[in-house]
């Protein structure tokens, strides 16, 4: 994944860094990451020193990146470097605050997506779309690109686990940041297994869903994007 990202981003002359967050791994991931770091100066490796969890690891990374925008991608190869280039060009050309991927729009694709997870995903995202009155149909897709002022504007982030994938886009939308949805591909990992446990995550997703819903209808716009938020 790291090598593929470096190749594709270098080909189009994008100035980039890659942050690889080691989240309390118990295998040889840390040693592999350190080797990659020695070979690629664009790669920075950090170890999450907080409690373990996808959300904690991503939030750690969001405190250490240096660019004008940041993309969140899975390290298992499920997200496409080619799509990331498209995301970046879209943000520049259309001057939007966020670019969100959708695997379910025309042009998107899924390969090896578990059937039960698919059903639950479609039901949950349909509920989010109806209740929040938005057109976006893949909020729980982890693959997204955010400008720095958007990341700053959706703080504080609360989710320690995979519910962060729902918290970040909903806060961005509720707080008035502009976004563009484009289709993207997703391929199931070839090795290892996902740490996402649907039974454990249901109540956590629901908490974030309610949290963002309360902000949407009861915050009186206190957290809305202001003119200064759009300055670069």
Protein backbone atom coordinates (compact mmCIF):
# COMPACT_ATOMS: atom_id res chain seq x y z
CA UNK A 1 0.00 0.00 0.00
CA UNK A 2 2.77 2.43 0.92
CA UNK A 3 4.77 1.69 -2.23
CA UNK A 4 1.69 2.05 -4.43
CA UNK A 5 0.80 5.40 -2.88
CA UNK A 6 4.32 6.73 -3.40
CA UNK A 7 4.33 5.66 -7.05
CA UNK A 8 0.95 7.16 -7.92
CA UNK A 9 1.40 10.44 -6.03
CA UNK A 10 4.92 10.94 -7.39
CA UNK A 11 3.76 10.36 -10.98
CA UNK A 12 1.47 13.39 -10.81
CA UNK A 13 3.96 15.53 -8.87
CA UNK A 14 1.86 15.95 -5.73
CA UNK A 15 3.83 17.14 -2.73
CA UNK A 16 2.90 14.61 -0.06
CA UNK A 17 3.74 12.82 3.15
CA UNK A 18 2.42 9.46 4.34
CA UNK A 19 1.70 8.95 8.00
CA UNK A 20 1.60 5.34 9.06
CA UNK A 21 0.05 4.87 12.50
CA UNK A 22 1.00 1.72 14.37
CA UNK A 23 -1.96 0.95 16.63
CA UNK A 24 -0.63 -1.38 19.31
CA UNK A 25 0.22 -4.10 16.78
CA UNK A 26 1.30 -7.47 18.17
CA UNK A 27 2.86 -8.90 15.00
CA UNK A 28 5.85 -7.63 13.01
CA UNK A 29 4.04 -4.55 11.65
CA UNK A 30 6.25 -2.15 13.60
CA UNK A 31 9.46 -3.66 12.22
CA UNK A 32 8.07 -3.57 8.67
CA UNK A 33 6.98 0.05 9.13
CA UNK A 34 10.42 1.06 10.39
CA UNK A 35 12.04 -0.63 7.39
CA UNK A 36 9.71 1.21 5.01
CA UNK A 37 10.49 4.47 6.77
CA UNK A 38 14.21 3.96 6.22
CA UNK A 39 13.58 3.40 2.49
CA UNK A 40 11.07 6.18 1.83
CA UNK A 41 11.69 9.71 3.17
CA UNK A 42 8.05 10.62 2.45
CA UNK A 43 6.91 8.14 5.08
CA UNK A 44 6.55 9.04 8.73
CA UNK A 45 5.75 6.33 11.22
CA UNK A 46 4.11 6.93 14.58
CA UNK A 47 2.89 4.61 17.31
CA UNK A 48 -0.44 5.46 18.89
CA UNK A 49 0.36 6.04 22.57
CA UNK A 50 -3.30 6.32 23.53
CA UNK A 51 -5.81 3.53 24.03
CA UNK A 52 -6.02 1.18 21.04
CA UNK A 53 -8.74 1.66 18.46
CA UNK A 54 -9.18 2.81 14.88
CA UNK A 55 -10.53 6.20 15.93
CA UNK A 56 -7.74 6.80 18.42
CA UNK A 57 -5.11 5.94 15.80
CA UNK A 58 -6.64 8.25 13.19
CA UNK A 59 -7.03 11.07 15.69
CA UNK A 60 -3.37 10.63 16.63
CA UNK A 61 -2.45 10.98 12.97
CA UNK A 62 -4.62 14.09 12.60
CA UNK A 63 -2.53 15.74 15.32
CA UNK A 64 0.71 15.12 13.43
CA UNK A 65 0.16 15.74 9.72
CA UNK A 66 1.69 18.85 8.12
CA UNK A 67 -0.14 19.30 4.81
CA UNK A 68 -2.96 21.58 3.68
CA UNK A 69 -5.26 18.58 3.47
CA UNK A 70 -5.33 15.02 4.72
CA UNK A 71 -6.77 11.79 3.36
CA UNK A 72 -7.78 8.91 5.60
CA UNK A 73 -7.14 5.55 3.99
CA UNK A 74 -7.09 1.97 5.21
CA UNK A 75 -3.63 0.37 5.24
CA UNK A 76 -4.94 -3.01 4.10
CA UNK A 77 -5.02 -2.08 0.41
CA UNK A 78 -8.81 -1.82 0.20
CA UNK A 79 -8.67 1.82 -0.96
CA UNK A 80 -7.21 2.88 -4.30
CA UNK A 81 -4.24 5.26 -4.73
CA UNK A 82 -5.67 6.19 -8.15
CA UNK A 83 -8.86 7.32 -6.42
CA UNK A 84 -6.83 9.41 -3.99
CA UNK A 85 -5.30 11.34 -6.90
CA UNK A 86 -8.82 11.96 -8.23
CA UNK A 87 -9.97 13.12 -4.79
CA UNK A 88 -7.10 15.60 -4.57
CA UNK A 89 -7.62 17.02 -8.04
CA UNK A 90 -11.33 17.38 -7.30
CA UNK A 91 -10.62 19.35 -4.13
CA UNK A 92 -8.28 21.69 -5.98
CA UNK A 93 -10.41 22.17 -9.09
CA UNK A 94 -13.76 22.58 -7.34
CA UNK A 95 -12.39 24.36 -4.26
CA UNK A 96 -14.40 22.26 -1.81
CA UNK A 97 -13.60 21.61 1.83
CA UNK A 98 -14.03 17.83 1.64
CA UNK A 99 -14.15 15.04 -0.91
CA UNK A 100 -16.14 11.98 0.14
CA UNK A 101 -15.94 8.62 -1.57
CA UNK A 102 -18.99 6.53 -2.38
CA UNK A 103 -18.70 2.88 -3.24
CA UNK A 104 -22.38 2.72 -4.12
CA UNK A 105 -22.77 5.56 -6.62
CA UNK A 106 -22.57 4.94 -10.35
CA UNK A 107 -18.93 4.23 -11.15
CA UNK A 108 -18.15 2.88 -7.68
CA UNK A 109 -17.29 -0.75 -7.11
CA UNK A 110 -17.04 -3.39 -4.41
CA UNK A 111 -15.04 -6.61 -4.51
CA UNK A 112 -15.40 -9.25 -1.80
CA UNK A 113 -17.65 -7.17 0.46
CA UNK A 114 -19.25 -9.46 3.13
CA UNK A 115 -22.99 -9.89 2.53
CA UNK A 116 -24.14 -9.25 6.11
CA UNK A 117 -21.92 -6.19 6.37
CA UNK A 118 -23.37 -4.95 3.08
CA UNK A 119 -26.96 -5.23 4.33
CA UNK A 120 -26.15 -3.48 7.61
CA UNK A 121 -24.18 -0.81 5.80
CA UNK A 122 -27.01 0.00 3.39
CA UNK A 123 -29.59 0.12 6.17
CA UNK A 124 -27.48 2.38 8.39
CA UNK A 125 -26.49 4.76 5.62
CA UNK A 126 -30.08 4.97 4.37
CA UNK A 127 -31.17 5.98 7.89
CA UNK A 128 -28.43 8.62 8.08
CA UNK A 129 -29.35 10.01 4.66
CA UNK A 130 -33.05 10.31 5.51
CA UNK A 131 -32.71 11.69 9.04
CA UNK A 132 -30.00 14.23 8.18
CA UNK A 133 -31.61 15.04 4.81
CA UNK A 134 -28.42 14.64 2.80
CA UNK A 135 -27.70 13.06 -0.56
CA UNK A 136 -24.56 11.25 0.53
CA UNK A 137 -25.10 7.48 0.74
CA UNK A 138 -21.78 6.18 2.14
CA UNK A 139 -21.00 8.12 5.31
CA UNK A 140 -19.35 5.13 6.98
CA UNK A 141 -16.82 4.83 4.17
CA UNK A 142 -13.47 5.55 5.83
CA UNK A 143 -11.89 6.87 2.61
CA UNK A 144 -12.25 10.66 2.62
CA UNK A 145 -10.20 13.80 2.01
CA UNK A 146 -10.44 16.84 4.30
CA UNK A 147 -8.88 20.28 4.10
CA UNK A 148 -6.94 21.37 7.15
CA UNK A 149 -9.45 24.05 8.11
CA UNK A 150 -12.18 21.42 8.01
CA UNK A 151 -10.27 19.09 10.32
CA UNK A 152 -9.74 22.02 12.69
CA UNK A 153 -13.39 23.01 12.41
CA UNK A 154 -14.89 19.63 13.33
CA UNK A 155 -13.02 19.35 16.59
CA UNK A 156 -13.31 17.98 19.17
CA UNK A 157 -13.50 14.45 17.80
CA UNK A 158 -14.91 11.93 20.26
CA UNK A 159 -14.93 8.53 18.57
CA UNK A 160 -12.26 6.05 19.72
CA UNK A 161 -13.30 3.34 17.26
CA UNK A 162 -14.68 2.90 13.75
CA UNK A 163 -17.56 5.26 14.54
CA UNK A 164 -15.09 8.02 13.71
CA UNK A 165 -15.89 7.25 10.06
CA UNK A 166 -19.41 8.54 10.75
CA UNK A 167 -18.53 11.38 13.11
CA UNK A 168 -16.14 13.23 10.80
CA UNK A 169 -18.35 13.58 7.69
CA UNK A 170 -21.53 14.28 9.66
CA UNK A 171 -19.85 17.03 11.66
CA UNK A 172 -18.41 18.52 8.46
CA UNK A 173 -21.84 18.50 6.80
CA UNK A 174 -23.74 19.76 9.85
CA UNK A 175 -21.21 22.55 10.40
CA UNK A 176 -21.53 23.80 6.84
CA UNK A 177 -18.32 22.70 5.15
CA UNK A 178 -18.64 22.16 1.42
CA UNK A 179 -18.14 18.70 0.01
CA UNK A 180 -18.16 16.77 -3.22
CA UNK A 181 -19.06 13.09 -3.51
CA UNK A 182 -17.30 10.98 -6.12
CA UNK A 183 -17.38 7.25 -6.70
CA UNK A 184 -14.51 5.08 -5.53
CA UNK A 185 -13.54 1.43 -5.59
CA UNK A 186 -13.13 -0.93 -2.64
CA UNK A 187 -11.38 -4.31 -2.58
CA UNK A 188 -11.48 -6.65 0.38
CA UNK A 189 -8.13 -7.28 2.05
CA UNK A 190 -6.14 -10.26 0.84
CA UNK A 191 -4.43 -10.95 4.19
CA UNK A 192 -5.36 -10.63 7.85
CA UNK A 193 -8.78 -9.80 9.20
CA UNK A 194 -10.71 -6.64 9.93
CA UNK A 195 -10.87 -5.38 13.52
CA UNK A 196 -14.41 -4.09 12.93
CA UNK A 197 -16.90 -6.04 15.06
CA UNK A 198 -20.44 -5.07 14.11
CA UNK A 199 -22.09 -6.27 17.34
CA UNK A 200 -19.69 -4.22 19.44
CA UNK A 201 -19.89 -1.13 17.23
CA UNK A 202 -23.68 -0.77 16.91
CA UNK A 203 -24.22 1.28 20.06
CA UNK A 204 -21.12 3.39 19.37
CA UNK A 205 -22.33 4.32 15.89
CA UNK A 206 -25.76 5.12 17.36
CA UNK A 207 -24.20 7.39 19.98
CA UNK A 208 -22.37 9.41 17.32
CA UNK A 209 -25.51 9.45 15.17
CA UNK A 210 -27.49 11.01 18.05
CA UNK A 211 -24.66 13.35 19.01
CA UNK A 212 -24.48 14.83 15.51
CA UNK A 213 -28.27 14.91 15.23
CA UNK A 214 -28.54 16.93 18.45
CA UNK A 215 -25.94 19.36 17.13
CA UNK A 216 -27.80 19.73 13.84
CA UNK A 217 -31.13 20.65 15.41
CA UNK A 218 -30.25 22.18 18.76
CA UNK A 219 -26.86 23.93 18.52
CA UNK A 220 -28.40 27.02 16.88
CA UNK A 221 -25.50 27.12 14.43
CA UNK A 222 -22.90 27.77 17.13
CA UNK A 223 -20.40 25.48 15.39
CA UNK A 224 -21.13 26.50 11.81
CA UNK A 225 -18.28 27.28 9.44
CA UNK A 226 -17.40 30.95 9.52
CA UNK A 227 -15.79 33.08 6.82
CA UNK A 228 -12.37 32.79 8.44
CA UNK A 229 -12.58 28.98 8.31
CA UNK A 230 -12.29 29.09 4.52
CA UNK A 231 -9.06 31.06 4.45
CA UNK A 232 -5.91 29.14 3.50
